Amino acid sequence: MKGWRLLFRGAHAGAVATVEPFKGGSVPVLVWEITPADEAALDRYEGWPFLYRKENVKVKLNGKSVTAMVYIMNDGRPLGQPSCYYYSTILEGYKSAGFDVDILRKATTDSVDMEEAAYE
């Protein structure tokens, strides 16, 4: 997704992933076609509408621009560090998909650095 960045928000050492608009940013994504039953199951898993909201965004798929639904964390949660287990799970997904893991590493350091700067 062009114009977005990956960050982690939530309780200390328990933050979870979200994406936020960011000029010049880019976040790799996988796109799935889902059924209404799939979406209902994802809604429960992702804590919709309390933790995450759903938004439609434009993404490139096979060279074409398509609209895709994405879960984005609701406002109000502080930036933070993900747990080792959560981070490892996302890292495994990044590697399996062939994504640049430096994007994930940068999201972690940016989230922690920005959190610390907010308290200075």
C-alpha atoms as a PDB file:
ATOM      1  CA  MET A   1       0.000   0.000   0.000  1.00  0.00           C
ATOM      2  CA  LYS A   2       1.591   3.246  -1.098  1.00  0.00           C
ATOM      3  CA  GLY A   3       1.280   6.217   1.233  1.00  0.00           C
ATOM      4  CA  TRP A   4       1.042   4.111   4.418  1.00  0.00           C
ATOM      5  CA  ARG A   5       3.386   2.852   7.127  1.00  0.00           C
ATOM      6  CA  LEU A   6       3.293  -0.059   9.536  1.00  0.00           C
ATOM      7  CA  LEU A   7       3.337   0.713  13.275  1.00  0.00           C
ATOM      8  CA  PHE A   8       2.561  -1.072  16.545  1.00  0.00           C
ATOM      9  CA  ARG A   9       0.098   0.287  19.092  1.00  0.00           C
ATOM     10  CA  GLY A  10      -1.112  -1.028  22.432  1.00  0.00           C
ATOM     11  CA  ALA A  11       0.017  -1.911  25.915  1.00  0.00           C
ATOM     12  CA  HIS A  12       3.734  -2.168  26.701  1.00  0.00           C
ATOM     13  CA  ALA A  13       5.277  -5.286  25.129  1.00  0.00           C
ATOM     14  CA  GLY A  14       1.838  -6.221  23.853  1.00  0.00           C
ATOM     15  CA  ALA A  15       1.324  -3.774  21.012  1.00  0.00           C
ATOM     16  CA  VAL A  16      -0.277  -5.037  17.807  1.00  0.00           C
ATOM     17  CA  ALA A  17       0.119  -4.035  14.180  1.00  0.00           C
ATOM     18  CA  THR A  18      -1.723  -1.294  12.389  1.00  0.00           C
ATOM     19  CA  VAL A  19      -1.186   0.855   9.320  1.00  0.00           C
ATOM     20  CA  GLU A  20      -1.373   4.616   9.210  1.00  0.00           C
ATOM     21  CA  PRO A  21      -1.230   7.133   6.365  1.00  0.00           C
ATOM     22  CA  PHE A  22       2.340   8.329   5.795  1.00  0.00           C
ATOM     23  CA  LYS A  23       3.554  10.364   2.845  1.00  0.00           C
ATOM     24  CA  GLY A  24       6.239   8.434   1.007  1.00  0.00           C
ATOM     25  CA  GLY A  25       5.592   5.248   2.979  1.00  0.00           C
ATOM     26  CA  SER A  26       4.795   1.797   1.677  1.00  0.00           C
ATOM     27  CA  VAL A  27       3.532  -1.369   3.343  1.00  0.00           C
ATOM     28  CA  PRO A  28       3.517  -4.736   1.556  1.00  0.00           C
ATOM     29  CA  VAL A  29       0.182  -6.540   1.617  1.00  0.00           C
ATOM     30  CA  LEU A  30      -1.355  -9.836   0.637  1.00  0.00           C
ATOM     31  CA  VAL A  31      -4.842  -9.700  -0.866  1.00  0.00           C
ATOM     32  CA  TRP A  32      -7.476 -12.369  -0.333  1.00  0.00           C
ATOM     33  CA  GLU A  33     -10.959 -12.753  -1.721  1.00  0.00           C
ATOM     34  CA  ILE A  34     -13.178 -13.507   1.279  1.00  0.00           C
ATOM     35  CA  THR A  35     -16.773 -14.553   1.819  1.00  0.00           C
ATOM     36  CA  PRO A  36     -19.200 -12.805   4.179  1.00  0.00           C
ATOM     37  CA  ALA A  37     -18.625 -15.676   6.656  1.00  0.00           C
ATOM     38  CA  ASP A  38     -14.844 -15.127   6.407  1.00  0.00           C
ATOM     39  CA  GLU A  39     -15.322 -11.418   7.087  1.00  0.00           C
ATOM     40  CA  ALA A  40     -17.526 -12.117  10.115  1.00  0.00           C
ATOM     41  CA  ALA A  41     -14.851 -14.449  11.541  1.00  0.00           C
ATOM     42  CA  LEU A  42     -12.125 -11.862  10.880  1.00  0.00           C
ATOM     43  CA  ASP A  43     -14.265  -9.160  12.534  1.00  0.00           C
ATOM     44  CA  ARG A  44     -14.404 -11.221  15.723  1.00  0.00           C
ATOM     45  CA  TYR A  45     -10.680 -12.045  15.601  1.00  0.00           C
ATOM     46  CA  GLU A  46      -9.617  -8.443  14.942  1.00  0.00           C
ATOM     47  CA  GLY A  47     -11.876  -6.934  17.616  1.00  0.00           C
ATOM     48  CA  TRP A  48     -13.997  -4.974  15.141  1.00  0.00           C
ATOM     49  CA  PRO A  49     -15.410  -2.368  15.766  1.00  0.00           C
ATOM     50  CA  PHE A  50     -13.774  -1.749  19.167  1.00  0.00           C
ATOM     51  CA  LEU A  51     -10.056  -2.314  18.494  1.00  0.00           C
ATOM     52  CA  TYR A  52      -9.994  -1.996  14.698  1.00  0.00           C
ATOM     53  CA  ARG A  53     -12.191  -0.298  12.116  1.00  0.00           C
ATOM     54  CA  LYS A  54     -12.503  -1.326   8.477  1.00  0.00           C
ATOM     55  CA  GLU A  55     -11.530   0.987   5.627  1.00  0.00           C
ATOM     56  CA  ASN A  56     -11.315   0.571   1.885  1.00  0.00           C
ATOM     57  CA  VAL A  57      -7.945   1.408   0.336  1.00  0.00           C
ATOM     58  CA  LYS A  58      -6.455   1.243  -3.147  1.00  0.00           C
ATOM     59  CA  VAL A  59      -3.758  -1.383  -3.665  1.00  0.00           C
ATOM     60  CA  LYS A  60      -1.907  -2.718  -6.696  1.00  0.00           C
ATOM     61  CA  LEU A  61      -2.812  -6.282  -7.664  1.00  0.00           C
ATOM     62  CA  ASN A  62      -1.180  -7.781 -10.747  1.00  0.00           C
ATOM     63  CA  GLY A  63      -0.408  -4.281 -12.015  1.00  0.00           C
ATOM     64  CA  LYS A  64      -3.985  -3.024 -11.561  1.00  0.00           C
ATOM     65  CA  SER A  65      -5.381  -0.713  -8.902  1.00  0.00           C
ATOM     66  CA  VAL A  66      -8.104  -2.435  -6.864  1.00  0.00           C
ATOM     67  CA  THR A  67     -10.079  -1.536  -3.757  1.00  0.00           C
ATOM     68  CA  ALA A  68      -9.409  -3.712  -0.724  1.00  0.00           C
ATOM     69  CA  MET A  69     -10.713  -3.703   2.833  1.00  0.00           C
ATOM     70  CA  VAL A  70      -8.123  -3.307   5.593  1.00  0.00           C
ATOM     71  CA  TYR A  71      -8.384  -3.317   9.385  1.00  0.00           C
ATOM     72  CA  ILE A  72      -6.913  -0.138  10.915  1.00  0.00           C
ATOM     73  CA  MET A  73      -6.580   0.371  14.649  1.00  0.00           C
ATOM     74  CA  ASN A  74      -8.937   2.908  16.170  1.00  0.00           C
ATOM     75  CA  ASP A  75      -7.414   6.084  17.577  1.00  0.00           C
ATOM     76  CA  GLY A  76      -6.340   6.444  21.171  1.00  0.00           C
ATOM     77  CA  ARG A  77      -3.875   3.638  21.727  1.00  0.00           C
ATOM     78  CA  PRO A  78      -0.238   4.513  22.432  1.00  0.00           C
ATOM     79  CA  LEU A  79       2.625   3.362  20.275  1.00  0.00           C
ATOM     80  CA  GLY A  80       4.502   0.429  21.752  1.00  0.00           C
ATOM     81  CA  GLN A  81       6.537  -2.705  21.329  1.00  0.00           C
ATOM     82  CA  PRO A  82       4.989  -6.002  20.249  1.00  0.00           C
ATOM     83  CA  SER A  83       5.596  -9.167  22.245  1.00  0.00           C
ATOM     84  CA  CYS A  84       8.336 -11.470  20.965  1.00  0.00           C
ATOM     85  CA  TYR A  85       5.745 -14.106  20.043  1.00  0.00           C
ATOM     86  CA  TYR A  86       3.558 -11.648  18.099  1.00  0.00           C
ATOM     87  CA  TYR A  87       6.562 -10.148  16.301  1.00  0.00           C
ATOM     88  CA  SER A  88       7.887 -13.637  15.433  1.00  0.00           C
ATOM     89  CA  THR A  89       4.519 -14.592  13.952  1.00  0.00           C
ATOM     90  CA  ILE A  90       4.476 -11.512  11.711  1.00  0.00           C
ATOM     91  CA  LEU A  91       8.149 -12.018  10.811  1.00  0.00           C
ATOM     92  CA  GLU A  92       7.368 -15.572   9.696  1.00  0.00           C
ATOM     93  CA  GLY A  93       4.542 -14.228   7.511  1.00  0.00           C
ATOM     94  CA  TYR A  94       6.806 -11.576   5.998  1.00  0.00           C
ATOM     95  CA  LYS A  95       9.418 -14.198   5.141  1.00  0.00           C
ATOM     96  CA  SER A  96       6.836 -16.632   3.704  1.00  0.00           C
ATOM     97  CA  ALA A  97       5.404 -13.874   1.496  1.00  0.00           C
ATOM     98  CA  GLY A  98       8.858 -12.719   0.380  1.00  0.00           C
ATOM     99  CA  PHE A  99       8.367  -9.254   1.901  1.00  0.00           C
ATOM    100  CA  ASP A 100      11.258  -7.006   2.927  1.00  0.00           C
ATOM    101  CA  VAL A 101      11.689  -7.737   6.655  1.00  0.00           C
ATOM    102  CA  ASP A 102      13.442  -4.380   7.104  1.00  0.00           C
ATOM    103  CA  ILE A 103       9.982  -2.761   6.840  1.00  0.00           C
ATOM    104  CA  LEU A 104       8.864  -4.816   9.835  1.00  0.00           C
ATOM    105  CA  ARG A 105      12.018  -4.045  11.806  1.00  0.00           C
ATOM    106  CA  LYS A 106      11.647  -0.322  11.055  1.00  0.00           C
ATOM    107  CA  ALA A 107       8.011  -0.398  12.212  1.00  0.00           C
ATOM    108  CA  THR A 108       9.123  -1.803  15.551  1.00  0.00           C
ATOM    109  CA  THR A 109      11.912   0.718  16.106  1.00  0.00           C
ATOM    110  CA  ASP A 110       9.762   3.628  14.873  1.00  0.00           C
ATOM    111  CA  SER A 111       6.943   2.659  17.237  1.00  0.00           C
ATOM    112  CA  VAL A 112       9.270   2.413  20.237  1.00  0.00           C
ATOM    113  CA  ASP A 113      11.224   5.572  19.338  1.00  0.00           C
ATOM    114  CA  MET A 114       8.054   7.609  18.750  1.00  0.00           C
ATOM    115  CA  GLU A 115       6.568   6.320  22.022  1.00  0.00           C
ATOM    116  CA  GLU A 116       9.684   7.341  23.953  1.00  0.00           C
ATOM    117  CA  ALA A 117       9.736  10.784  22.277  1.00  0.00           C
ATOM    118  CA  ALA A 118       6.128  11.354  23.359  1.00  0.00           C
ATOM    119  CA  TYR A 119       7.193  11.037  27.005  1.00  0.00           C
ATOM    120  CA  GLU A 120      10.213  13.358  26.789  1.00  0.00           C
END
